[in-house]
Each structure stands twice: as structure tokens, then as C-alpha cells.
Amino acid sequence: MSDSTWHSTIASAPDSKHEAQGTVLPPASAPAPVPKRNHNRSPQSTCKGRLPLTTAQKQEAVVLAAAGYAPSRVAKTMGKSRLMVKRHLEAPETIAMVRDEQAELVELYRTKARDCVVAIDDDKIAKASALQLATSSGILLDKSLLLSGKPTQNVAVIVQVLDMLSVRNDEEIERQYQADHARLLAEK
């Protein structure tokens, strides 16, 4: 077969299996346009956009984080994105600011707790507000302990109780073992 015959044979051959079978679909019109994404925020969104945190918002985030709020709760309270607030709170200088703010809050809570205890006198003991002052003092003291990283309950007592329960459990297991061992020896 000459080159020209071969080229003409190839040129006239159907391009696909469907053309050879006669099942070719008519050419499709232009593909349907893909709808564009709607980048508008929904009306109920709490996110205020991508504006950077202002100095006041940065300080508010530090105060809320020092008070024990999680970054997601800080973001929701401020109406900013969680990632933006998280990035701000993870910066080394912000971590130091949060630590300083916590120390100030601990001292403030301790001072307020002392003030509540000092305010309880004989006159107030006779009145119902002494209960309120004592409750306030306890709450403020617990808050100061939590912020300073100390437990609010006596952990040593809980450890002693758990140790006693462990010893009692071990004694019961040993007693059961001895009883089973004696029974097996008696059966032989």
C-alpha cells in the first residue's frame, strides 16, 4: 500500500467505535456554565468578616482567655473567626500577656475573698447576708485557686481513700485465692 493510499484510508476511517456503528450523538452545544459560588455571608453568621483584630479586641481576647474561656468561646463572644482568635492567642507575646492577666485576676480574687471574710462581723452574722458573704468568699477563693493552677479540693484525701480501696480489694483477692487453693487441695 502506498503512502498516499494509506493516508487516504486513515483519513476516511471513522474516528471512534460509535461512528463505525452509526451511534454517534449530535455534537453537544457549549457546556452548561458552572454557577459561581455565592461568597456572601448568611445573615445569621456570627463572623464579622476578615478584618484584623483591633487593639481593643486583642486586649478583650487576652482578658477572656485569662478568665478561662476557650479560644472558640472567645471567638464566638467577640464575633470573630475561631482561627483568627486562636492565632492571636498562640503568639508568644500574647501567651505572656494572658499569664500576666491571670496573675492579676488571681490577686484580685484573693483580695475580694479577704474583703468578704473581713466584712463578716457579729452584726452580719446575725443577719442572712453573712451566708451570702461566706458563699462569695468561697467562690472567689476557688476561682483564685483555679487560676493559679491549684486544686479546689483536697486531693490528698481522695488519694488516701483510693489507696484504702485498693488495699481492701487486694486483701479480698488474696482471701479468695486462699479459699480456692484450700478447696482444690481438699478435693485431691
N, C-alpha and C. Protein backbone atom coordinates (compact mmCIF):
# COMPACT_ATOMS: atom_id res chain seq x y z
N MET A 1 0.87 -1.16 0.00
CA MET A 1 0.00 0.00 0.00
C MET A 1 0.91 1.21 0.00
N SER A 2 0.59 2.15 -0.90
CA SER A 2 1.43 3.35 -0.97
C SER A 2 1.07 4.29 0.17
N ASP A 3 1.98 5.22 0.39
CA ASP A 3 1.76 6.17 1.50
C ASP A 3 0.52 7.01 1.26
N SER A 4 0.26 7.41 0.06
CA SER A 4 -0.90 8.26 -0.19
C SER A 4 -2.20 7.48 0.01
N THR A 5 -2.21 6.19 -0.39
CA THR A 5 -3.40 5.36 -0.20
C THR A 5 -3.63 5.12 1.29
N TRP A 6 -2.55 4.88 1.94
CA TRP A 6 -2.68 4.64 3.38
C TRP A 6 -3.22 5.86 4.09
N HIS A 7 -2.73 7.06 3.77
CA HIS A 7 -3.22 8.30 4.39
C HIS A 7 -4.68 8.55 4.06
N SER A 8 -5.09 8.25 2.86
CA SER A 8 -6.49 8.48 2.50
C SER A 8 -7.40 7.48 3.19
N THR A 9 -6.93 6.26 3.39
CA THR A 9 -7.72 5.25 4.09
C THR A 9 -7.89 5.65 5.55
N ILE A 10 -6.83 6.11 6.17
CA ILE A 10 -6.89 6.53 7.57
C ILE A 10 -7.78 7.76 7.72
N ALA A 11 -7.69 8.69 6.78
CA ALA A 11 -8.46 9.92 6.86
C ALA A 11 -9.95 9.64 6.73
N SER A 12 -10.33 8.62 5.92
CA SER A 12 -11.75 8.35 5.75
C SER A 12 -12.30 7.39 6.79
N ALA A 13 -11.44 6.79 7.59
CA ALA A 13 -11.88 5.83 8.61
C ALA A 13 -12.63 6.56 9.72
N PRO A 14 -13.64 5.91 10.31
CA PRO A 14 -14.36 6.56 11.42
C PRO A 14 -13.42 6.80 12.59
N ASP A 15 -13.64 7.92 13.28
CA ASP A 15 -12.77 8.30 14.40
C ASP A 15 -13.00 7.44 15.64
N SER A 16 -14.15 6.89 15.78
CA SER A 16 -14.41 6.13 17.00
C SER A 16 -15.27 4.92 16.69
N LYS A 17 -15.42 4.12 17.70
CA LYS A 17 -16.22 2.92 17.59
C LYS A 17 -17.68 3.31 17.34
N HIS A 18 -18.12 4.42 17.93
CA HIS A 18 -19.51 4.84 17.79
C HIS A 18 -19.80 5.31 16.37
N GLU A 19 -18.84 5.97 15.75
CA GLU A 19 -19.04 6.40 14.36
C GLU A 19 -19.15 5.18 13.46
N ALA A 20 -18.34 4.15 13.71
CA ALA A 20 -18.37 2.94 12.89
C ALA A 20 -19.71 2.24 13.02
N GLN A 21 -20.33 2.30 14.19
CA GLN A 21 -21.62 1.64 14.42
C GLN A 21 -22.79 2.54 14.05
N GLY A 22 -22.53 3.81 13.81
CA GLY A 22 -23.60 4.74 13.47
C GLY A 22 -24.38 5.24 14.67
N THR A 23 -23.78 5.18 15.84
CA THR A 23 -24.48 5.61 17.05
C THR A 23 -23.90 6.91 17.61
N VAL A 24 -23.42 7.74 16.74
CA VAL A 24 -22.79 8.98 17.19
C VAL A 24 -23.87 9.97 17.57
N LEU A 25 -23.71 10.59 18.70
CA LEU A 25 -24.64 11.62 19.13
C LEU A 25 -24.33 12.91 18.40
N PRO A 26 -25.32 13.74 18.21
CA PRO A 26 -25.03 15.02 17.55
C PRO A 26 -24.08 15.83 18.44
N PRO A 27 -23.32 16.73 17.84
CA PRO A 27 -22.37 17.49 18.65
C PRO A 27 -23.10 18.27 19.73
N ALA A 28 -22.52 18.21 20.91
CA ALA A 28 -23.15 18.90 22.05
C ALA A 28 -22.95 20.40 21.90
N SER A 29 -23.95 21.11 22.37
CA SER A 29 -23.79 22.56 22.37
C SER A 29 -22.76 22.91 23.45
N ALA A 30 -22.50 24.14 23.62
CA ALA A 30 -21.50 24.57 24.60
C ALA A 30 -21.88 24.03 25.98
N PRO A 31 -20.88 23.61 26.76
CA PRO A 31 -21.22 23.05 28.07
C PRO A 31 -21.95 24.08 28.93
N ALA A 32 -22.82 23.53 29.77
CA ALA A 32 -23.60 24.41 30.65
C ALA A 32 -22.65 25.16 31.57
N PRO A 33 -22.86 26.45 31.74
CA PRO A 33 -21.95 27.22 32.61
C PRO A 33 -22.09 26.76 34.07
N VAL A 34 -20.98 26.70 34.73
CA VAL A 34 -20.96 26.32 36.14
C VAL A 34 -21.35 27.55 36.95
N PRO A 35 -22.35 27.41 37.83
CA PRO A 35 -22.75 28.60 38.60
C PRO A 35 -21.62 29.04 39.52
N LYS A 36 -21.48 30.35 39.66
CA LYS A 36 -20.45 30.88 40.55
C LYS A 36 -20.88 30.69 41.98
N ARG A 37 -19.85 30.54 42.86
CA ARG A 37 -20.15 30.41 44.29
C ARG A 37 -20.62 31.75 44.83
N ASN A 38 -21.55 31.67 45.72
CA ASN A 38 -22.03 32.88 46.37
C ASN A 38 -21.18 33.10 47.61
N HIS A 39 -20.35 34.11 47.59
CA HIS A 39 -19.45 34.36 48.71
C HIS A 39 -20.05 35.28 49.76
N ASN A 40 -21.32 35.57 49.63
CA ASN A 40 -21.96 36.41 50.64
C ASN A 40 -22.21 35.58 51.89
N ARG A 41 -22.07 36.20 53.02
CA ARG A 41 -22.28 35.51 54.29
C ARG A 41 -23.78 35.42 54.58
N SER A 42 -24.14 34.36 55.25
CA SER A 42 -25.54 34.22 55.61
C SER A 42 -25.88 35.24 56.70
N PRO A 43 -27.11 35.68 56.78
CA PRO A 43 -27.48 36.71 57.75
C PRO A 43 -27.26 36.30 59.20
N GLN A 44 -27.35 34.99 59.50
CA GLN A 44 -27.20 34.55 60.89
C GLN A 44 -25.76 34.28 61.27
N SER A 45 -24.82 34.53 60.36
CA SER A 45 -23.40 34.28 60.64
C SER A 45 -22.91 35.21 61.73
N THR A 46 -22.11 34.67 62.66
CA THR A 46 -21.54 35.50 63.73
C THR A 46 -20.21 36.08 63.32
N CYS A 47 -19.67 35.64 62.20
CA CYS A 47 -18.36 36.12 61.75
C CYS A 47 -18.53 37.51 61.14
N LYS A 48 -17.67 38.43 61.52
CA LYS A 48 -17.77 39.80 61.05
C LYS A 48 -16.85 40.07 59.86
N GLY A 49 -16.39 39.05 59.19
CA GLY A 49 -15.52 39.25 58.04
C GLY A 49 -14.07 39.03 58.41
N ARG A 50 -13.20 39.40 57.51
CA ARG A 50 -11.79 39.13 57.69
C ARG A 50 -11.01 40.35 58.14
N LEU A 51 -11.66 41.29 58.75
CA LEU A 51 -10.93 42.45 59.25
C LEU A 51 -10.03 42.00 60.39
N PRO A 52 -8.81 42.54 60.46
CA PRO A 52 -7.90 42.13 61.54
C PRO A 52 -8.42 42.60 62.90
N LEU A 53 -7.90 41.95 63.93
CA LEU A 53 -8.31 42.33 65.29
C LEU A 53 -7.77 43.71 65.62
N THR A 54 -8.62 44.54 66.20
CA THR A 54 -8.17 45.84 66.66
C THR A 54 -7.43 45.66 67.99
N THR A 55 -6.78 46.72 68.44
CA THR A 55 -6.06 46.65 69.71
C THR A 55 -7.01 46.34 70.85
N ALA A 56 -8.19 46.96 70.83
CA ALA A 56 -9.18 46.71 71.88
C ALA A 56 -9.65 45.25 71.84
N GLN A 57 -9.84 44.70 70.65
CA GLN A 57 -10.28 43.31 70.52
C GLN A 57 -9.19 42.36 70.97
N LYS A 58 -7.93 42.69 70.69
CA LYS A 58 -6.83 41.85 71.15
C LYS A 58 -6.79 41.82 72.67
N GLN A 59 -6.99 42.99 73.31
CA GLN A 59 -6.99 43.05 74.77
C GLN A 59 -8.19 42.29 75.34
N GLU A 60 -9.35 42.40 74.67
CA GLU A 60 -10.53 41.66 75.12
C GLU A 60 -10.29 40.16 75.04
N ALA A 61 -9.63 39.71 73.96
CA ALA A 61 -9.32 38.29 73.82
C ALA A 61 -8.38 37.82 74.93
N VAL A 62 -7.41 38.65 75.30
CA VAL A 62 -6.48 38.31 76.38
C VAL A 62 -7.24 38.18 77.69
N VAL A 63 -8.12 39.13 77.98
CA VAL A 63 -8.87 39.11 79.25
C VAL A 63 -9.77 37.88 79.30
N LEU A 64 -10.47 37.57 78.21
CA LEU A 64 -11.36 36.41 78.19
C LEU A 64 -10.58 35.11 78.33
N ALA A 65 -9.43 35.03 77.66
CA ALA A 65 -8.60 33.83 77.77
C ALA A 65 -8.05 33.68 79.19
N ALA A 66 -7.68 34.79 79.81
CA ALA A 66 -7.18 34.74 81.18
C ALA A 66 -8.27 34.31 82.15
N ALA A 67 -9.51 34.64 81.84
CA ALA A 67 -10.63 34.26 82.69
C ALA A 67 -11.01 32.80 82.51
N GLY A 68 -10.35 32.11 81.56
CA GLY A 68 -10.60 30.68 81.40
C GLY A 68 -11.43 30.31 80.19
N TYR A 69 -11.75 31.27 79.33
CA TYR A 69 -12.52 30.96 78.13
C TYR A 69 -11.66 30.21 77.13
N ALA A 70 -12.23 29.24 76.45
CA ALA A 70 -11.56 28.52 75.37
C ALA A 70 -11.49 29.45 74.15
N PRO A 71 -10.51 29.28 73.27
CA PRO A 71 -10.42 30.15 72.10
C PRO A 71 -11.70 30.18 71.26
N SER A 72 -12.37 29.06 71.12
CA SER A 72 -13.62 29.06 70.34
C SER A 72 -14.69 29.91 71.00
N ARG A 73 -14.74 29.87 72.33
CA ARG A 73 -15.73 30.70 73.03
C ARG A 73 -15.35 32.18 72.97
N VAL A 74 -14.06 32.48 73.02
CA VAL A 74 -13.59 33.86 72.88
C VAL A 74 -14.01 34.38 71.50
N ALA A 75 -13.79 33.57 70.47
CA ALA A 75 -14.13 33.97 69.10
C ALA A 75 -15.63 34.22 68.95
N LYS A 76 -16.42 33.34 69.53
CA LYS A 76 -17.88 33.50 69.43
C LYS A 76 -18.34 34.74 70.18
N THR A 77 -17.75 34.99 71.35
CA THR A 77 -18.12 36.16 72.13
C THR A 77 -17.78 37.45 71.38
N MET A 78 -16.63 37.44 70.71
CA MET A 78 -16.17 38.64 70.01
C MET A 78 -16.75 38.76 68.61
N GLY A 79 -17.30 37.68 68.06
CA GLY A 79 -17.83 37.72 66.70
C GLY A 79 -16.75 37.66 65.65
N LYS A 80 -15.62 37.05 65.97
CA LYS A 80 -14.52 36.89 65.03
C LYS A 80 -14.32 35.41 64.74
N SER A 81 -13.52 35.12 63.72
CA SER A 81 -13.32 33.72 63.37
C SER A 81 -12.46 33.03 64.43
N ARG A 82 -12.73 31.76 64.62
CA ARG A 82 -12.02 30.97 65.62
C ARG A 82 -10.53 30.90 65.31
N LEU A 83 -10.20 30.75 64.03
CA LEU A 83 -8.80 30.64 63.64
C LEU A 83 -8.04 31.95 63.89
N MET A 84 -8.69 33.08 63.62
CA MET A 84 -8.04 34.37 63.85
C MET A 84 -7.73 34.56 65.33
N VAL A 85 -8.69 34.24 66.18
CA VAL A 85 -8.50 34.39 67.62
C VAL A 85 -7.46 33.40 68.12
N LYS A 86 -7.51 32.17 67.61
CA LYS A 86 -6.55 31.14 68.02
C LYS A 86 -5.13 31.57 67.67
N ARG A 87 -4.94 32.09 66.46
CA ARG A 87 -3.61 32.55 66.05
C ARG A 87 -3.11 33.66 66.97
N HIS A 88 -3.99 34.58 67.31
CA HIS A 88 -3.59 35.67 68.19
C HIS A 88 -3.20 35.14 69.57
N LEU A 89 -4.00 34.22 70.11
CA LEU A 89 -3.74 33.71 71.47
C LEU A 89 -2.53 32.79 71.53
N GLU A 90 -2.11 32.23 70.39
CA GLU A 90 -0.94 31.35 70.38
C GLU A 90 0.38 32.09 70.19
N ALA A 91 0.31 33.39 69.93
CA ALA A 91 1.54 34.17 69.76
C ALA A 91 2.26 34.24 71.10
N PRO A 92 3.59 34.12 71.12
CA PRO A 92 4.33 34.10 72.40
C PRO A 92 4.09 35.33 73.27
N GLU A 93 4.02 36.52 72.65
CA GLU A 93 3.79 37.72 73.46
C GLU A 93 2.38 37.73 74.05
N THR A 94 1.42 37.14 73.33
CA THR A 94 0.05 37.07 73.84
C THR A 94 -0.04 36.07 74.98
N ILE A 95 0.69 34.96 74.87
CA ILE A 95 0.70 33.97 75.95
C ILE A 95 1.21 34.60 77.23
N ALA A 96 2.26 35.43 77.11
CA ALA A 96 2.80 36.13 78.28
C ALA A 96 1.78 37.11 78.84
N MET A 97 1.07 37.79 77.94
CA MET A 97 0.04 38.74 78.40
C MET A 97 -1.09 38.02 79.14
N VAL A 98 -1.50 36.86 78.63
CA VAL A 98 -2.56 36.07 79.27
C VAL A 98 -2.09 35.63 80.66
N ARG A 99 -0.85 35.17 80.75
CA ARG A 99 -0.29 34.73 82.04
C ARG A 99 -0.27 35.89 83.04
N ASP A 100 0.14 37.08 82.59
CA ASP A 100 0.15 38.26 83.46
C ASP A 100 -1.27 38.64 83.90
N GLU A 101 -2.19 38.56 82.97
CA GLU A 101 -3.58 38.90 83.28
C GLU A 101 -4.16 37.90 84.29
N GLN A 102 -3.81 36.61 84.13
CA GLN A 102 -4.26 35.60 85.09
C GLN A 102 -3.71 35.89 86.48
N ALA A 103 -2.44 36.28 86.56
CA ALA A 103 -1.85 36.61 87.85
C ALA A 103 -2.57 37.78 88.50
N GLU A 104 -2.92 38.79 87.70
CA GLU A 104 -3.67 39.93 88.23
C GLU A 104 -5.05 39.50 88.72
N LEU A 105 -5.71 38.62 87.94
CA LEU A 105 -7.03 38.15 88.34
C LEU A 105 -6.96 37.32 89.63
N VAL A 106 -5.92 36.49 89.75
CA VAL A 106 -5.75 35.69 90.97
C VAL A 106 -5.64 36.61 92.17
N GLU A 107 -4.80 37.63 92.06
CA GLU A 107 -4.63 38.57 93.18
C GLU A 107 -5.92 39.33 93.46
N LEU A 108 -6.62 39.72 92.42
CA LEU A 108 -7.89 40.44 92.59
C LEU A 108 -8.91 39.56 93.30
N TYR A 109 -9.02 38.29 92.87
CA TYR A 109 -9.97 37.37 93.51
C TYR A 109 -9.59 37.11 94.97
N ARG A 110 -8.33 36.96 95.25
CA ARG A 110 -7.90 36.75 96.64
C ARG A 110 -8.22 37.97 97.49
N THR A 111 -7.97 39.14 96.96
CA THR A 111 -8.28 40.38 97.70
C THR A 111 -9.77 40.48 97.97
N LYS A 112 -10.57 40.20 96.96
CA LYS A 112 -12.04 40.26 97.15
C LYS A 112 -12.49 39.21 98.15
N ALA A 113 -11.88 38.02 98.12
CA ALA A 113 -12.25 36.98 99.09
C ALA A 113 -11.92 37.44 100.50
N ARG A 114 -10.73 38.04 100.68
CA ARG A 114 -10.37 38.58 102.01
C ARG A 114 -11.34 39.64 102.45
N ASP A 115 -11.69 40.56 101.52
CA ASP A 115 -12.64 41.62 101.85
C ASP A 115 -13.98 41.05 102.31
N CYS A 116 -14.43 39.98 101.65
CA CYS A 116 -15.70 39.36 102.03
C CYS A 116 -15.60 38.75 103.43
N VAL A 117 -14.48 38.08 103.72
CA VAL A 117 -14.31 37.46 105.04
C VAL A 117 -14.21 38.53 106.11
N VAL A 118 -13.46 39.60 105.85
CA VAL A 118 -13.30 40.68 106.83
C VAL A 118 -14.63 41.37 107.08
N ALA A 119 -15.46 41.45 106.07
CA ALA A 119 -16.75 42.15 106.22
C ALA A 119 -17.73 41.37 107.09
N ILE A 120 -17.45 40.10 107.34
CA ILE A 120 -18.34 39.32 108.21
C ILE A 120 -18.00 39.66 109.65
N ASP A 121 -18.92 40.37 110.28
CA ASP A 121 -18.74 40.72 111.70
C ASP A 121 -19.94 40.18 112.48
N ASP A 122 -19.97 40.45 113.78
CA ASP A 122 -21.04 39.93 114.64
C ASP A 122 -22.41 40.40 114.15
N ASP A 123 -22.47 41.65 113.70
CA ASP A 123 -23.76 42.18 113.24
C ASP A 123 -24.24 41.42 112.00
N LYS A 124 -23.33 41.17 111.07
CA LYS A 124 -23.71 40.48 109.84
C LYS A 124 -23.93 38.99 110.06
N ILE A 125 -23.28 38.42 111.06
CA ILE A 125 -23.52 37.02 111.37
C ILE A 125 -24.97 36.84 111.81
N ALA A 126 -25.49 37.83 112.51
CA ALA A 126 -26.88 37.76 112.97
C ALA A 126 -27.86 37.90 111.81
N LYS A 127 -27.42 38.44 110.69
CA LYS A 127 -28.30 38.64 109.53
C LYS A 127 -28.03 37.56 108.48
N ALA A 128 -28.89 37.43 107.53
CA ALA A 128 -28.78 36.40 106.49
C ALA A 128 -27.67 36.70 105.48
N SER A 129 -27.26 37.93 105.38
CA SER A 129 -26.25 38.27 104.37
C SER A 129 -24.88 37.67 104.70
N ALA A 130 -24.69 37.20 105.91
CA ALA A 130 -23.42 36.55 106.25
C ALA A 130 -23.24 35.29 105.39
N LEU A 131 -24.33 34.58 105.15
CA LEU A 131 -24.27 33.41 104.29
C LEU A 131 -23.85 33.80 102.88
N GLN A 132 -24.39 34.90 102.42
CA GLN A 132 -24.03 35.38 101.10
C GLN A 132 -22.56 35.78 101.03
N LEU A 133 -22.06 36.44 102.07
CA LEU A 133 -20.65 36.83 102.09
C LEU A 133 -19.74 35.61 102.16
N ALA A 134 -20.11 34.61 102.96
CA ALA A 134 -19.31 33.40 103.07
C ALA A 134 -19.29 32.65 101.73
N THR A 135 -20.43 32.58 101.07
CA THR A 135 -20.51 31.93 99.76
C THR A 135 -19.66 32.67 98.74
N SER A 136 -19.76 33.99 98.75
CA SER A 136 -18.94 34.80 97.83
C SER A 136 -17.47 34.59 98.09
N SER A 137 -17.09 34.54 99.36
CA SER A 137 -15.70 34.32 99.70
C SER A 137 -15.22 32.97 99.19
N GLY A 138 -16.02 31.93 99.36
CA GLY A 138 -15.65 30.60 98.89
C GLY A 138 -15.51 30.55 97.38
N ILE A 139 -16.44 31.18 96.69
CA ILE A 139 -16.39 31.19 95.22
C ILE A 139 -15.14 31.94 94.74
N LEU A 140 -14.87 33.10 95.33
CA LEU A 140 -13.70 33.87 94.92
C LEU A 140 -12.40 33.13 95.23
N LEU A 141 -12.36 32.45 96.36
CA LEU A 141 -11.17 31.69 96.73
C LEU A 141 -10.96 30.52 95.76
N ASP A 142 -12.04 29.81 95.43
CA ASP A 142 -11.95 28.71 94.47
C ASP A 142 -11.46 29.22 93.10
N LYS A 143 -11.99 30.37 92.69
CA LYS A 143 -11.59 30.94 91.40
C LYS A 143 -10.11 31.30 91.41
N SER A 144 -9.64 31.88 92.50
CA SER A 144 -8.21 32.24 92.58
C SER A 144 -7.33 30.99 92.57
N LEU A 145 -7.79 29.92 93.24
CA LEU A 145 -7.03 28.67 93.24
C LEU A 145 -6.97 28.06 91.84
N LEU A 146 -8.10 28.07 91.13
CA LEU A 146 -8.13 27.52 89.78
C LEU A 146 -7.20 28.28 88.84
N LEU A 147 -7.26 29.62 88.92
CA LEU A 147 -6.43 30.41 88.03
C LEU A 147 -4.95 30.28 88.34
N SER A 148 -4.61 29.98 89.59
CA SER A 148 -3.20 29.81 89.92
C SER A 148 -2.74 28.37 89.71
N GLY A 149 -3.63 27.51 89.20
CA GLY A 149 -3.26 26.15 88.86
C GLY A 149 -3.32 25.18 90.02
N LYS A 150 -3.96 25.54 91.10
CA LYS A 150 -4.04 24.68 92.28
C LYS A 150 -5.43 24.03 92.33
N PRO A 151 -5.52 22.85 92.94
CA PRO A 151 -6.84 22.18 93.02
C PRO A 151 -7.75 22.89 94.02
N THR A 152 -9.04 22.77 93.79
CA THR A 152 -10.00 23.39 94.70
C THR A 152 -10.53 22.40 95.73
N GLN A 153 -10.03 21.19 95.71
CA GLN A 153 -10.44 20.21 96.70
C GLN A 153 -9.20 19.52 97.24
N ASN A 154 -9.37 18.86 98.34
CA ASN A 154 -8.23 18.21 98.97
C ASN A 154 -7.97 16.88 98.27
N VAL A 155 -7.00 16.88 97.39
CA VAL A 155 -6.68 15.70 96.59
C VAL A 155 -6.07 14.61 97.47
N ALA A 156 -5.36 14.99 98.52
CA ALA A 156 -4.71 14.00 99.39
C ALA A 156 -5.75 13.07 100.02
N VAL A 157 -6.90 13.60 100.40
CA VAL A 157 -7.95 12.77 101.00
C VAL A 157 -8.46 11.76 99.97
N ILE A 158 -8.65 12.20 98.74
CA ILE A 158 -9.15 11.30 97.69
C ILE A 158 -8.12 10.19 97.44
N VAL A 159 -6.84 10.54 97.42
CA VAL A 159 -5.78 9.54 97.21
C VAL A 159 -5.78 8.52 98.34
N GLN A 160 -5.96 8.97 99.59
CA GLN A 160 -6.00 8.04 100.72
C GLN A 160 -7.17 7.08 100.60
N VAL A 161 -8.32 7.59 100.22
CA VAL A 161 -9.50 6.74 100.06
C VAL A 161 -9.25 5.70 98.96
N LEU A 162 -8.67 6.13 97.85
CA LEU A 162 -8.39 5.19 96.76
C LEU A 162 -7.36 4.14 97.19
N ASP A 163 -6.36 4.54 97.96
CA ASP A 163 -5.37 3.58 98.47
C ASP A 163 -6.03 2.55 99.38
N MET A 164 -6.91 3.01 100.26
CA MET A 164 -7.62 2.09 101.16
C MET A 164 -8.46 1.11 100.36
N LEU A 165 -9.16 1.58 99.33
CA LEU A 165 -9.98 0.70 98.50
C LEU A 165 -9.10 -0.31 97.75
N SER A 166 -7.94 0.12 97.29
CA SER A 166 -7.03 -0.79 96.59
C SER A 166 -6.52 -1.88 97.52
N VAL A 167 -6.14 -1.50 98.75
CA VAL A 167 -5.66 -2.48 99.73
C VAL A 167 -6.77 -3.47 100.06
N ARG A 168 -7.98 -2.96 100.25
CA ARG A 168 -9.11 -3.82 100.58
C ARG A 168 -9.39 -4.78 99.42
N ASN A 169 -9.29 -4.30 98.19
CA ASN A 169 -9.51 -5.15 97.03
C ASN A 169 -8.43 -6.23 96.95
N ASP A 170 -7.17 -5.85 97.19
CA ASP A 170 -6.08 -6.83 97.18
C ASP A 170 -6.28 -7.90 98.25
N GLU A 171 -6.73 -7.50 99.44
CA GLU A 171 -6.98 -8.45 100.52
C GLU A 171 -8.09 -9.42 100.14
N GLU A 172 -9.12 -8.91 99.49
CA GLU A 172 -10.24 -9.76 99.08
C GLU A 172 -9.78 -10.76 98.02
N ILE A 173 -8.96 -10.32 97.09
CA ILE A 173 -8.44 -11.22 96.05
C ILE A 173 -7.58 -12.31 96.70
N GLU A 174 -6.72 -11.94 97.64
CA GLU A 174 -5.86 -12.91 98.32
C GLU A 174 -6.70 -13.91 99.12
N ARG A 175 -7.73 -13.40 99.81
CA ARG A 175 -8.61 -14.28 100.59
C ARG A 175 -9.31 -15.27 99.67
N GLN A 176 -9.79 -14.79 98.51
CA GLN A 176 -10.47 -15.66 97.55
C GLN A 176 -9.49 -16.71 97.00
N TYR A 177 -8.25 -16.31 96.72
CA TYR A 177 -7.24 -17.23 96.23
C TYR A 177 -6.95 -18.33 97.25
N GLN A 178 -6.79 -17.91 98.52
CA GLN A 178 -6.51 -18.90 99.57
C GLN A 178 -7.67 -19.89 99.72
N ALA A 179 -8.89 -19.39 99.65
CA ALA A 179 -10.06 -20.26 99.77
C ALA A 179 -10.12 -21.25 98.61
N ASP A 180 -9.88 -20.77 97.39
CA ASP A 180 -9.90 -21.65 96.22
C ASP A 180 -8.76 -22.67 96.28
N HIS A 181 -7.60 -22.24 96.73
CA HIS A 181 -6.44 -23.13 96.84
C HIS A 181 -6.71 -24.22 97.88
N ALA A 182 -7.29 -23.86 99.01
CA ALA A 182 -7.60 -24.84 100.06
C ALA A 182 -8.64 -25.83 99.56
N ARG A 183 -9.62 -25.35 98.81
CA ARG A 183 -10.68 -26.23 98.28
C ARG A 183 -10.08 -27.22 97.27
N LEU A 184 -9.17 -26.77 96.41
CA LEU A 184 -8.53 -27.66 95.44
C LEU A 184 -7.68 -28.73 96.13
N LEU A 185 -6.95 -28.33 97.21
CA LEU A 185 -6.15 -29.30 97.95
C LEU A 185 -7.04 -30.33 98.65
N ALA A 186 -8.19 -29.89 99.14
CA ALA A 186 -9.12 -30.80 99.83
C ALA A 186 -9.72 -31.80 98.84
N GLU A 187 -9.94 -31.42 97.60
CA GLU A 187 -10.52 -32.30 96.58
C GLU A 187 -9.51 -33.38 96.16
N LYS A 188 -8.22 -33.13 96.24
CA LYS A 188 -7.22 -34.11 95.81
C LYS A 188 -7.11 -35.14 96.84
